[in-house]
Amino acid sequence: MSTADDVRNQLNAKAERINSQRNLAPHIKQTMIARAYLDAHRQLGELKDAETRSVQRQRQQLERKLFGSNGISLDPQAAVSRRDAADRAARVESADEALRMMQRADRDGDTTLAKAIASRAADYSGDPVWARVVHAYVADRPSDADTLAEMQQLPNTEDGVWRLQQAMRYGVLPPAGVEGMDHYQLEAAASRPLDGDQPSNAA
């Protein structure tokens, strides 16, 4: 699979080949390079979206591992217990209340409720106060602590700084021949017909 650098390098190489052809009129070169640029821009957008989906998928898998039920239970009482625990956890309004309730659930051996509260806290784990609840949950659960550490290594795809950095990683500048043109100008140049274009089918 091509990387972002591969796509950019291929675009620049193609633009250089087009620009070096002295038998082509300037407007033809411009159209050919604009098409190459827009194709590269599309490929980079697809790579960026694939990266985002991959991170989100990994996070969902780790969240299920950490907070989901252990396998598929055919016991209807277990399903009722999970729903009841989720309802009780959803009514928790503060991290302090969540911590007290989770510690009480742990003392009582109610692992279902403790997990539901930790899951509720994880929804707000960007807040250090709520994150404390999640860390308390995994403190005596080494395997869960490892899973949480994996989750924390993943970027937050909703974070503005990460999204800006991602946009820069998958960005591309118009090469020589179309430099300085905005996206609309590039699309207009790319849409100009060239000899050899296949005619579009009528609707």
N, C-alpha and C. Protein backbone atom coordinates (compact mmCIF):
# COMPACT_ATOMS: atom_id res chain seq x y z
N MET A 1 0.84 -1.20 0.00
CA MET A 1 0.00 0.00 0.00
C MET A 1 0.88 1.25 0.00
N SER A 2 0.52 2.20 -0.81
CA SER A 2 1.30 3.43 -0.92
C SER A 2 1.22 4.25 0.37
N THR A 3 2.33 4.92 0.67
CA THR A 3 2.35 5.85 1.79
C THR A 3 2.12 7.26 1.26
N ALA A 4 1.95 8.20 2.18
CA ALA A 4 1.76 9.60 1.78
C ALA A 4 2.99 10.10 1.01
N ASP A 5 4.18 9.71 1.45
CA ASP A 5 5.40 10.13 0.74
C ASP A 5 5.45 9.53 -0.67
N ASP A 6 5.00 8.28 -0.80
CA ASP A 6 4.95 7.66 -2.13
C ASP A 6 4.07 8.47 -3.08
N VAL A 7 2.89 8.84 -2.59
CA VAL A 7 1.93 9.58 -3.42
C VAL A 7 2.52 10.93 -3.83
N ARG A 8 3.13 11.63 -2.88
CA ARG A 8 3.71 12.94 -3.19
C ARG A 8 4.89 12.81 -4.17
N ASN A 9 5.72 11.80 -3.96
CA ASN A 9 6.86 11.60 -4.86
C ASN A 9 6.40 11.26 -6.27
N GLN A 10 5.37 10.42 -6.37
CA GLN A 10 4.84 10.07 -7.69
C GLN A 10 4.26 11.29 -8.39
N LEU A 11 3.57 12.14 -7.64
CA LEU A 11 3.01 13.36 -8.23
C LEU A 11 4.13 14.27 -8.76
N ASN A 12 5.15 14.48 -7.94
CA ASN A 12 6.23 15.38 -8.35
C ASN A 12 6.97 14.83 -9.57
N ALA A 13 7.16 13.51 -9.59
CA ALA A 13 7.84 12.90 -10.74
C ALA A 13 7.00 13.05 -12.01
N LYS A 14 5.70 12.86 -11.86
CA LYS A 14 4.81 12.99 -13.02
C LYS A 14 4.79 14.43 -13.52
N ALA A 15 4.72 15.37 -12.58
CA ALA A 15 4.71 16.79 -12.98
C ALA A 15 6.00 17.16 -13.70
N GLU A 16 7.13 16.63 -13.23
CA GLU A 16 8.41 16.91 -13.89
C GLU A 16 8.43 16.36 -15.31
N ARG A 17 7.89 15.16 -15.49
CA ARG A 17 7.86 14.57 -16.84
C ARG A 17 7.00 15.41 -17.78
N ILE A 18 5.85 15.85 -17.28
CA ILE A 18 4.94 16.65 -18.11
C ILE A 18 5.60 17.99 -18.47
N ASN A 19 6.17 18.64 -17.46
CA ASN A 19 6.79 19.94 -17.70
C ASN A 19 7.98 19.85 -18.66
N SER A 20 8.60 18.69 -18.74
CA SER A 20 9.79 18.53 -19.60
C SER A 20 9.43 18.28 -21.07
N GLN A 21 8.16 18.05 -21.35
CA GLN A 21 7.75 17.75 -22.73
C GLN A 21 7.53 19.06 -23.50
N ARG A 22 8.48 19.39 -24.36
CA ARG A 22 8.43 20.67 -25.07
C ARG A 22 7.37 20.71 -26.16
N ASN A 23 6.87 19.55 -26.55
CA ASN A 23 5.87 19.53 -27.62
C ASN A 23 4.45 19.82 -27.10
N LEU A 24 4.28 19.96 -25.79
CA LEU A 24 2.96 20.21 -25.22
C LEU A 24 2.76 21.70 -24.98
N ALA A 25 1.58 22.18 -25.34
CA ALA A 25 1.24 23.58 -25.09
C ALA A 25 1.08 23.80 -23.58
N PRO A 26 1.33 25.03 -23.10
CA PRO A 26 1.24 25.30 -21.65
C PRO A 26 -0.11 24.92 -21.04
N HIS A 27 -1.22 25.19 -21.77
CA HIS A 27 -2.52 24.91 -21.17
C HIS A 27 -2.76 23.40 -21.07
N ILE A 28 -2.16 22.64 -21.98
CA ILE A 28 -2.29 21.18 -21.91
C ILE A 28 -1.49 20.64 -20.73
N LYS A 29 -0.28 21.16 -20.57
CA LYS A 29 0.52 20.76 -19.40
C LYS A 29 -0.23 21.07 -18.11
N GLN A 30 -0.82 22.26 -18.08
CA GLN A 30 -1.53 22.67 -16.86
C GLN A 30 -2.67 21.71 -16.55
N THR A 31 -3.43 21.34 -17.58
CA THR A 31 -4.55 20.41 -17.37
C THR A 31 -4.05 19.05 -16.90
N MET A 32 -3.01 18.54 -17.50
CA MET A 32 -2.48 17.23 -17.13
C MET A 32 -1.95 17.23 -15.69
N ILE A 33 -1.25 18.30 -15.33
CA ILE A 33 -0.71 18.37 -13.97
C ILE A 33 -1.83 18.57 -12.95
N ALA A 34 -2.82 19.37 -13.31
CA ALA A 34 -3.96 19.57 -12.40
C ALA A 34 -4.67 18.25 -12.14
N ARG A 35 -4.83 17.44 -13.17
CA ARG A 35 -5.46 16.13 -12.98
C ARG A 35 -4.61 15.24 -12.08
N ALA A 36 -3.32 15.26 -12.30
CA ALA A 36 -2.42 14.44 -11.47
C ALA A 36 -2.47 14.90 -10.01
N TYR A 37 -2.50 16.22 -9.83
CA TYR A 37 -2.57 16.75 -8.47
C TYR A 37 -3.85 16.33 -7.78
N LEU A 38 -4.99 16.49 -8.45
CA LEU A 38 -6.28 16.14 -7.83
C LEU A 38 -6.35 14.65 -7.52
N ASP A 39 -5.76 13.83 -8.36
CA ASP A 39 -5.73 12.39 -8.08
C ASP A 39 -4.88 12.11 -6.84
N ALA A 40 -3.74 12.78 -6.73
CA ALA A 40 -2.89 12.61 -5.55
C ALA A 40 -3.61 13.11 -4.29
N HIS A 41 -4.29 14.23 -4.43
CA HIS A 41 -5.04 14.80 -3.30
C HIS A 41 -6.11 13.81 -2.83
N ARG A 42 -6.79 13.16 -3.78
CA ARG A 42 -7.81 12.16 -3.44
C ARG A 42 -7.18 10.97 -2.73
N GLN A 43 -6.06 10.47 -3.26
CA GLN A 43 -5.38 9.33 -2.64
C GLN A 43 -4.95 9.65 -1.21
N LEU A 44 -4.42 10.84 -1.01
CA LEU A 44 -3.98 11.23 0.33
C LEU A 44 -5.16 11.35 1.28
N GLY A 45 -6.29 11.84 0.78
CA GLY A 45 -7.49 11.91 1.60
C GLY A 45 -7.95 10.53 2.03
N GLU A 46 -7.86 9.58 1.11
CA GLU A 46 -8.25 8.20 1.44
C GLU A 46 -7.30 7.60 2.47
N LEU A 47 -6.00 7.88 2.35
CA LEU A 47 -5.04 7.38 3.33
C LEU A 47 -5.30 7.99 4.70
N LYS A 48 -5.61 9.28 4.72
CA LYS A 48 -5.89 9.97 5.99
C LYS A 48 -7.13 9.37 6.65
N ASP A 49 -8.19 9.16 5.87
CA ASP A 49 -9.41 8.59 6.42
C ASP A 49 -9.19 7.16 6.91
N ALA A 50 -8.36 6.41 6.18
CA ALA A 50 -8.06 5.03 6.59
C ALA A 50 -7.31 5.01 7.92
N GLU A 51 -6.39 5.96 8.10
CA GLU A 51 -5.67 6.04 9.37
C GLU A 51 -6.63 6.34 10.51
N THR A 52 -7.53 7.29 10.30
CA THR A 52 -8.50 7.64 11.35
C THR A 52 -9.37 6.44 11.71
N ARG A 53 -9.87 5.74 10.69
CA ARG A 53 -10.71 4.56 10.95
C ARG A 53 -9.93 3.49 11.70
N SER A 54 -8.67 3.31 11.35
CA SER A 54 -7.85 2.31 12.01
C SER A 54 -7.67 2.62 13.49
N VAL A 55 -7.39 3.88 13.81
CA VAL A 55 -7.22 4.28 15.21
C VAL A 55 -8.53 4.09 15.96
N GLN A 56 -9.64 4.51 15.36
CA GLN A 56 -10.94 4.38 16.01
C GLN A 56 -11.29 2.91 16.24
N ARG A 57 -10.98 2.06 15.26
CA ARG A 57 -11.26 0.63 15.39
C ARG A 57 -10.43 0.01 16.51
N GLN A 58 -9.15 0.40 16.59
CA GLN A 58 -8.30 -0.12 17.67
C GLN A 58 -8.82 0.30 19.04
N ARG A 59 -9.25 1.57 19.14
CA ARG A 59 -9.77 2.06 20.41
C ARG A 59 -11.04 1.31 20.81
N GLN A 60 -11.93 1.09 19.85
CA GLN A 60 -13.16 0.36 20.15
C GLN A 60 -12.87 -1.06 20.62
N GLN A 61 -11.91 -1.71 19.98
CA GLN A 61 -11.55 -3.07 20.37
C GLN A 61 -10.99 -3.10 21.79
N LEU A 62 -10.15 -2.14 22.12
CA LEU A 62 -9.56 -2.09 23.45
C LEU A 62 -10.61 -1.73 24.50
N GLU A 63 -11.54 -0.84 24.15
CA GLU A 63 -12.61 -0.49 25.08
C GLU A 63 -13.50 -1.69 25.37
N ARG A 64 -13.79 -2.47 24.31
CA ARG A 64 -14.60 -3.68 24.53
C ARG A 64 -13.86 -4.68 25.41
N LYS A 65 -12.54 -4.79 25.19
CA LYS A 65 -11.74 -5.71 26.00
C LYS A 65 -11.71 -5.27 27.46
N LEU A 66 -11.64 -3.95 27.67
CA LEU A 66 -11.52 -3.43 29.02
C LEU A 66 -12.85 -3.35 29.75
N PHE A 67 -13.89 -2.91 29.04
CA PHE A 67 -15.16 -2.63 29.72
C PHE A 67 -16.32 -3.51 29.27
N GLY A 68 -16.13 -4.30 28.21
CA GLY A 68 -17.22 -5.12 27.71
C GLY A 68 -17.41 -6.37 28.56
N SER A 69 -18.46 -7.12 28.25
CA SER A 69 -18.71 -8.37 28.96
C SER A 69 -17.71 -9.42 28.49
N ASN A 70 -17.41 -10.35 29.35
CA ASN A 70 -16.43 -11.40 29.03
C ASN A 70 -17.09 -12.50 28.23
N GLY A 71 -17.11 -12.33 26.91
CA GLY A 71 -17.74 -13.33 26.06
C GLY A 71 -19.24 -13.16 26.01
N ILE A 72 -19.90 -14.07 25.32
CA ILE A 72 -21.36 -14.02 25.17
C ILE A 72 -21.99 -14.92 26.20
N SER A 73 -22.74 -14.34 27.12
CA SER A 73 -23.40 -15.13 28.17
C SER A 73 -24.84 -15.42 27.76
N LEU A 74 -25.23 -16.68 27.94
CA LEU A 74 -26.60 -17.07 27.66
C LEU A 74 -27.48 -16.92 28.89
N ASP A 75 -26.87 -16.48 30.00
CA ASP A 75 -27.62 -16.32 31.25
C ASP A 75 -28.40 -15.02 31.19
N PRO A 76 -29.74 -15.09 31.15
CA PRO A 76 -30.53 -13.85 31.09
C PRO A 76 -30.34 -12.98 32.32
N GLN A 77 -30.04 -13.59 33.46
CA GLN A 77 -29.84 -12.82 34.68
C GLN A 77 -28.59 -11.96 34.58
N ALA A 78 -27.55 -12.49 33.89
CA ALA A 78 -26.33 -11.72 33.71
C ALA A 78 -26.59 -10.50 32.84
N ALA A 79 -27.42 -10.68 31.81
CA ALA A 79 -27.75 -9.55 30.93
C ALA A 79 -28.52 -8.49 31.70
N VAL A 80 -29.44 -8.94 32.56
CA VAL A 80 -30.21 -7.99 33.39
C VAL A 80 -29.28 -7.24 34.33
N SER A 81 -28.32 -7.96 34.91
CA SER A 81 -27.37 -7.34 35.84
C SER A 81 -26.53 -6.28 35.13
N ARG A 82 -26.11 -6.58 33.90
CA ARG A 82 -25.31 -5.60 33.16
C ARG A 82 -26.11 -4.35 32.84
N ARG A 83 -27.37 -4.55 32.43
CA ARG A 83 -28.21 -3.38 32.13
C ARG A 83 -28.46 -2.55 33.38
N ASP A 84 -28.71 -3.24 34.50
CA ASP A 84 -28.95 -2.52 35.75
C ASP A 84 -27.70 -1.75 36.17
N ALA A 85 -26.54 -2.37 36.03
CA ALA A 85 -25.29 -1.69 36.40
C ALA A 85 -25.04 -0.49 35.50
N ALA A 86 -25.31 -0.65 34.20
CA ALA A 86 -25.13 0.46 33.26
C ALA A 86 -26.06 1.61 33.59
N ASP A 87 -27.31 1.29 33.97
CA ASP A 87 -28.27 2.34 34.35
C ASP A 87 -27.81 3.08 35.60
N ARG A 88 -27.32 2.33 36.58
CA ARG A 88 -26.85 2.96 37.81
C ARG A 88 -25.63 3.83 37.55
N ALA A 89 -24.72 3.33 36.72
CA ALA A 89 -23.52 4.10 36.40
C ALA A 89 -23.87 5.37 35.64
N ALA A 90 -24.87 5.30 34.77
CA ALA A 90 -25.26 6.46 33.96
C ALA A 90 -25.80 7.59 34.82
N ARG A 91 -26.30 7.26 36.01
CA ARG A 91 -26.87 8.28 36.89
C ARG A 91 -25.81 8.96 37.76
N VAL A 92 -24.59 8.45 37.71
CA VAL A 92 -23.50 9.06 38.48
C VAL A 92 -23.15 10.41 37.88
N GLU A 93 -23.08 11.43 38.71
CA GLU A 93 -22.90 12.80 38.19
C GLU A 93 -21.52 13.39 38.46
N SER A 94 -20.74 12.76 39.33
CA SER A 94 -19.42 13.32 39.62
C SER A 94 -18.40 12.21 39.74
N ALA A 95 -17.15 12.57 39.53
CA ALA A 95 -16.08 11.59 39.62
C ALA A 95 -15.94 11.07 41.05
N ASP A 96 -16.13 11.95 42.05
CA ASP A 96 -16.01 11.52 43.45
C ASP A 96 -17.08 10.48 43.76
N GLU A 97 -18.30 10.73 43.30
CA GLU A 97 -19.38 9.77 43.52
C GLU A 97 -19.06 8.45 42.81
N ALA A 98 -18.53 8.55 41.60
CA ALA A 98 -18.19 7.35 40.85
C ALA A 98 -17.13 6.53 41.57
N LEU A 99 -16.11 7.20 42.11
CA LEU A 99 -15.03 6.51 42.80
C LEU A 99 -15.56 5.79 44.04
N ARG A 100 -16.39 6.49 44.82
CA ARG A 100 -16.95 5.87 46.04
C ARG A 100 -17.80 4.66 45.68
N MET A 101 -18.65 4.80 44.67
CA MET A 101 -19.54 3.70 44.28
C MET A 101 -18.73 2.52 43.74
N MET A 102 -17.69 2.80 42.97
CA MET A 102 -16.88 1.73 42.41
C MET A 102 -16.12 0.99 43.50
N GLN A 103 -15.57 1.74 44.47
CA GLN A 103 -14.86 1.09 45.56
C GLN A 103 -15.80 0.23 46.39
N ARG A 104 -17.02 0.71 46.59
CA ARG A 104 -18.01 -0.08 47.33
C ARG A 104 -18.39 -1.34 46.56
N ALA A 105 -18.53 -1.20 45.24
CA ALA A 105 -18.86 -2.36 44.41
C ALA A 105 -17.73 -3.39 44.47
N ASP A 106 -16.48 -2.93 44.45
CA ASP A 106 -15.34 -3.84 44.55
C ASP A 106 -15.34 -4.58 45.88
N ARG A 107 -15.64 -3.85 46.96
CA ARG A 107 -15.67 -4.49 48.28
C ARG A 107 -16.76 -5.56 48.34
N ASP A 108 -17.87 -5.28 47.66
CA ASP A 108 -19.00 -6.21 47.68
C ASP A 108 -18.85 -7.33 46.66
N GLY A 109 -17.79 -7.28 45.86
CA GLY A 109 -17.59 -8.30 44.84
C GLY A 109 -18.48 -8.12 43.63
N ASP A 110 -19.03 -6.92 43.48
CA ASP A 110 -19.92 -6.65 42.33
C ASP A 110 -19.07 -6.13 41.17
N THR A 111 -18.42 -7.06 40.48
CA THR A 111 -17.51 -6.68 39.40
C THR A 111 -18.26 -6.05 38.22
N THR A 112 -19.53 -6.44 38.05
CA THR A 112 -20.32 -5.89 36.94
C THR A 112 -20.54 -4.39 37.13
N LEU A 113 -20.90 -4.00 38.36
CA LEU A 113 -21.13 -2.58 38.63
C LEU A 113 -19.81 -1.81 38.58
N ALA A 114 -18.75 -2.38 39.13
CA ALA A 114 -17.46 -1.69 39.12
C ALA A 114 -17.02 -1.41 37.69
N LYS A 115 -17.20 -2.40 36.80
CA LYS A 115 -16.82 -2.22 35.40
C LYS A 115 -17.69 -1.17 34.72
N ALA A 116 -18.99 -1.17 35.03
CA ALA A 116 -19.89 -0.19 34.42
C ALA A 116 -19.52 1.23 34.83
N ILE A 117 -19.12 1.41 36.08
CA ILE A 117 -18.73 2.74 36.56
C ILE A 117 -17.41 3.17 35.90
N ALA A 118 -16.47 2.23 35.78
CA ALA A 118 -15.21 2.55 35.13
C ALA A 118 -15.45 2.93 33.67
N SER A 119 -16.38 2.24 33.03
CA SER A 119 -16.72 2.57 31.64
C SER A 119 -17.31 3.96 31.54
N ARG A 120 -18.17 4.30 32.48
CA ARG A 120 -18.76 5.64 32.53
C ARG A 120 -17.65 6.69 32.71
N ALA A 121 -16.71 6.42 33.61
CA ALA A 121 -15.61 7.36 33.85
C ALA A 121 -14.73 7.51 32.60
N ALA A 122 -14.57 6.41 31.86
CA ALA A 122 -13.73 6.46 30.67
C ALA A 122 -14.28 7.41 29.62
N ASP A 123 -15.61 7.61 29.62
CA ASP A 123 -16.21 8.55 28.67
C ASP A 123 -15.73 9.97 28.91
N TYR A 124 -15.24 10.25 30.13
CA TYR A 124 -14.78 11.60 30.48
C TYR A 124 -13.31 11.59 30.88
N SER A 125 -12.57 10.57 30.42
CA SER A 125 -11.20 10.39 30.91
C SER A 125 -10.24 11.49 30.46
N GLY A 126 -10.70 12.37 29.57
CA GLY A 126 -9.88 13.52 29.24
C GLY A 126 -9.76 14.48 30.40
N ASP A 127 -10.71 14.38 31.34
CA ASP A 127 -10.68 15.17 32.58
C ASP A 127 -9.88 14.38 33.61
N PRO A 128 -8.80 14.96 34.16
CA PRO A 128 -7.96 14.21 35.11
C PRO A 128 -8.72 13.67 36.31
N VAL A 129 -9.79 14.36 36.73
CA VAL A 129 -10.56 13.90 37.88
C VAL A 129 -11.26 12.58 37.57
N TRP A 130 -11.86 12.49 36.37
CA TRP A 130 -12.52 11.25 35.95
C TRP A 130 -11.48 10.19 35.61
N ALA A 131 -10.35 10.58 35.06
CA ALA A 131 -9.29 9.62 34.72
C ALA A 131 -8.82 8.89 35.98
N ARG A 132 -8.87 9.58 37.12
CA ARG A 132 -8.47 8.96 38.39
C ARG A 132 -9.33 7.74 38.70
N VAL A 133 -10.61 7.80 38.32
CA VAL A 133 -11.52 6.67 38.56
C VAL A 133 -11.09 5.46 37.73
N VAL A 134 -10.76 5.70 36.48
CA VAL A 134 -10.33 4.62 35.59
C VAL A 134 -9.04 3.99 36.10
N HIS A 135 -8.11 4.81 36.54
CA HIS A 135 -6.85 4.29 37.05
C HIS A 135 -7.06 3.50 38.34
N ALA A 136 -8.01 3.94 39.16
CA ALA A 136 -8.33 3.18 40.37
C ALA A 136 -8.91 1.82 40.01
N TYR A 137 -9.69 1.77 38.95
CA TYR A 137 -10.29 0.50 38.53
C TYR A 137 -9.24 -0.51 38.11
N VAL A 138 -8.22 -0.07 37.37
CA VAL A 138 -7.22 -1.01 36.86
C VAL A 138 -6.08 -1.26 37.84
N ALA A 139 -6.08 -0.53 38.96
CA ALA A 139 -4.96 -0.63 39.90
C ALA A 139 -4.69 -2.06 40.34
N ASP A 140 -5.74 -2.83 40.61
CA ASP A 140 -5.58 -4.22 41.07
C ASP A 140 -5.92 -5.21 39.97
N ARG A 141 -5.90 -4.76 38.74
CA ARG A 141 -6.22 -5.62 37.59
C ARG A 141 -5.11 -5.46 36.56
N PRO A 142 -4.00 -6.17 36.71
CA PRO A 142 -2.82 -5.97 35.84
C PRO A 142 -3.13 -6.08 34.35
N SER A 143 -3.93 -7.06 33.94
CA SER A 143 -4.21 -7.21 32.51
C SER A 143 -5.01 -6.02 31.99
N ASP A 144 -5.93 -5.52 32.82
CA ASP A 144 -6.70 -4.34 32.42
C ASP A 144 -5.82 -3.11 32.38
N ALA A 145 -4.84 -3.05 33.29
CA ALA A 145 -3.91 -1.91 33.28
C ALA A 145 -3.11 -1.89 31.97
N ASP A 146 -2.73 -3.07 31.49
CA ASP A 146 -2.00 -3.15 30.21
C ASP A 146 -2.89 -2.67 29.06
N THR A 147 -4.16 -3.07 29.10
CA THR A 147 -5.10 -2.65 28.05
C THR A 147 -5.29 -1.14 28.08
N LEU A 148 -5.43 -0.59 29.27
CA LEU A 148 -5.58 0.86 29.40
C LEU A 148 -4.35 1.58 28.87
N ALA A 149 -3.16 1.04 29.16
CA ALA A 149 -1.93 1.66 28.66
C ALA A 149 -1.92 1.67 27.13
N GLU A 150 -2.39 0.58 26.52
CA GLU A 150 -2.49 0.53 25.05
C GLU A 150 -3.43 1.61 24.54
N MET A 151 -4.57 1.77 25.21
CA MET A 151 -5.53 2.80 24.80
C MET A 151 -4.93 4.19 24.88
N GLN A 152 -4.16 4.42 25.93
CA GLN A 152 -3.59 5.76 26.13
C GLN A 152 -2.50 6.08 25.12
N GLN A 153 -1.95 5.05 24.48
CA GLN A 153 -0.95 5.28 23.44
C GLN A 153 -1.58 5.72 22.13
N LEU A 154 -2.88 5.47 22.00
CA LEU A 154 -3.57 5.84 20.76
C LEU A 154 -3.90 7.33 20.76
N PRO A 155 -3.82 7.98 19.62
CA PRO A 155 -4.22 9.39 19.57
C PRO A 155 -5.73 9.55 19.68
N ASN A 156 -6.13 10.70 20.16
CA ASN A 156 -7.56 11.05 20.18
C ASN A 156 -7.91 11.66 18.84
N THR A 157 -8.71 10.95 18.05
CA THR A 157 -9.00 11.42 16.69
C THR A 157 -9.89 12.66 16.67
N GLU A 158 -10.43 13.04 17.84
CA GLU A 158 -11.23 14.26 17.91
C GLU A 158 -10.41 15.46 18.36
N ASP A 159 -9.16 15.22 18.73
CA ASP A 159 -8.31 16.30 19.22
C ASP A 159 -7.89 17.21 18.07
N GLY A 160 -8.07 18.51 18.26
CA GLY A 160 -7.78 19.47 17.20
C GLY A 160 -6.32 19.50 16.80
N VAL A 161 -5.42 19.38 17.76
CA VAL A 161 -3.98 19.40 17.46
C VAL A 161 -3.60 18.18 16.63
N TRP A 162 -4.11 16.99 17.04
CA TRP A 162 -3.79 15.77 16.29
C TRP A 162 -4.35 15.86 14.87
N ARG A 163 -5.56 16.39 14.72
CA ARG A 163 -6.15 16.49 13.39
C ARG A 163 -5.37 17.46 12.51
N LEU A 164 -4.85 18.53 13.10
CA LEU A 164 -4.03 19.46 12.33
C LEU A 164 -2.73 18.79 11.90
N GLN A 165 -2.11 18.05 12.81
CA GLN A 165 -0.88 17.33 12.48
C GLN A 165 -1.14 16.28 11.40
N GLN A 166 -2.28 15.62 11.50
CA GLN A 166 -2.63 14.61 10.48
C GLN A 166 -2.83 15.27 9.13
N ALA A 167 -3.50 16.41 9.12
CA ALA A 167 -3.72 17.13 7.86
C ALA A 167 -2.38 17.51 7.22
N MET A 168 -1.41 17.87 8.05
CA MET A 168 -0.09 18.21 7.52
C MET A 168 0.62 16.97 6.99
N ARG A 169 0.46 15.84 7.68
CA ARG A 169 1.11 14.60 7.22
C ARG A 169 0.58 14.14 5.87
N TYR A 170 -0.70 14.41 5.63
CA TYR A 170 -1.33 13.95 4.39
C TYR A 170 -1.61 15.09 3.42
N GLY A 171 -0.95 16.21 3.63
CA GLY A 171 -1.14 17.34 2.73
C GLY A 171 -0.22 17.24 1.52
N VAL A 172 -0.55 18.02 0.50
CA VAL A 172 0.29 18.08 -0.70
C VAL A 172 0.13 19.45 -1.34
N LEU A 173 1.25 20.01 -1.79
CA LEU A 173 1.23 21.31 -2.46
C LEU A 173 1.14 21.11 -3.97
N PRO A 174 0.43 21.98 -4.66
CA PRO A 174 0.41 21.90 -6.12
C PRO A 174 1.82 22.02 -6.68
N PRO A 175 2.22 21.15 -7.58
CA PRO A 175 3.59 21.19 -8.12
C PRO A 175 3.76 22.28 -9.16
N ALA A 176 4.99 22.40 -9.64
CA ALA A 176 5.29 23.39 -10.68
C ALA A 176 4.39 23.16 -11.89
N GLY A 177 3.84 24.25 -12.36
CA GLY A 177 2.90 24.18 -13.48
C GLY A 177 1.50 24.54 -13.05
N VAL A 178 1.19 24.29 -11.75
CA VAL A 178 -0.12 24.68 -11.22
C VAL A 178 0.05 25.34 -9.85
N GLU A 179 1.30 25.69 -9.52
CA GLU A 179 1.54 26.31 -8.23
C GLU A 179 0.76 27.62 -8.11
N GLY A 180 0.29 27.89 -6.91
CA GLY A 180 -0.45 29.13 -6.67
C GLY A 180 -1.93 29.04 -7.00
N MET A 181 -2.38 27.94 -7.61
CA MET A 181 -3.80 27.79 -7.95
C MET A 181 -4.55 27.22 -6.76
N ASP A 182 -5.78 27.72 -6.53
CA ASP A 182 -6.58 27.16 -5.46
C ASP A 182 -7.34 25.94 -5.98
N HIS A 183 -8.08 25.28 -5.10
CA HIS A 183 -8.72 24.02 -5.47
C HIS A 183 -9.72 24.20 -6.60
N TYR A 184 -10.46 25.28 -6.57
CA TYR A 184 -11.46 25.50 -7.62
C TYR A 184 -10.78 25.73 -8.98
N GLN A 185 -9.70 26.48 -8.96
CA GLN A 185 -8.96 26.71 -10.21
C GLN A 185 -8.36 25.41 -10.74
N LEU A 186 -7.89 24.57 -9.83
CA LEU A 186 -7.32 23.28 -10.23
C LEU A 186 -8.40 22.39 -10.84
N GLU A 187 -9.58 22.38 -10.24
CA GLU A 187 -10.67 21.57 -10.78
C GLU A 187 -11.09 22.08 -12.16
N ALA A 188 -11.11 23.40 -12.31
CA ALA A 188 -11.47 23.97 -13.61
C ALA A 188 -10.44 23.59 -14.67
N ALA A 189 -9.18 23.67 -14.31
CA ALA A 189 -8.11 23.32 -15.27
C ALA A 189 -8.18 21.83 -15.62
N ALA A 190 -8.44 20.99 -14.61
CA ALA A 190 -8.50 19.55 -14.84
C ALA A 190 -9.68 19.14 -15.70
N SER A 191 -10.73 19.96 -15.67
CA SER A 191 -11.95 19.61 -16.41
C SER A 191 -11.87 19.96 -17.89
N ARG A 192 -10.83 20.68 -18.30
CA ARG A 192 -10.70 21.02 -19.71
C ARG A 192 -10.46 19.75 -20.52
N PRO A 193 -11.16 19.57 -21.63
CA PRO A 193 -10.99 18.33 -22.42
C PRO A 193 -9.64 18.28 -23.11
N LEU A 194 -9.13 17.07 -23.19
CA LEU A 194 -7.87 16.84 -23.91
C LEU A 194 -8.11 15.74 -24.94
N ASP A 195 -7.30 15.77 -25.98
CA ASP A 195 -7.37 14.70 -26.98
C ASP A 195 -7.08 13.36 -26.27
N GLY A 196 -7.91 12.40 -26.57
CA GLY A 196 -7.73 11.09 -25.95
C GLY A 196 -8.65 10.85 -24.78
N ASP A 197 -9.31 11.90 -24.31
CA ASP A 197 -10.27 11.71 -23.21
C ASP A 197 -11.42 10.84 -23.69
N GLN A 198 -11.87 9.94 -22.81
CA GLN A 198 -13.04 9.13 -23.14
C GLN A 198 -14.29 9.97 -22.95
N PRO A 199 -15.22 9.93 -23.94
CA PRO A 199 -16.45 10.70 -23.76
C PRO A 199 -17.29 10.14 -22.63
N SER A 200 -17.90 11.05 -21.84
CA SER A 200 -18.73 10.60 -20.72
C SER A 200 -20.06 10.11 -21.28
N ASN A 201 -20.63 9.12 -20.61
CA ASN A 201 -21.92 8.58 -21.02
C ASN A 201 -23.03 9.55 -20.67
N ALA A 202 -23.94 9.71 -21.58
CA ALA A 202 -25.08 10.59 -21.31
C ALA A 202 -25.95 9.95 -20.26
N ALA A 203 -26.54 10.78 -19.38
CA ALA A 203 -27.41 10.25 -18.32
C ALA A 203 -28.67 9.72 -18.93
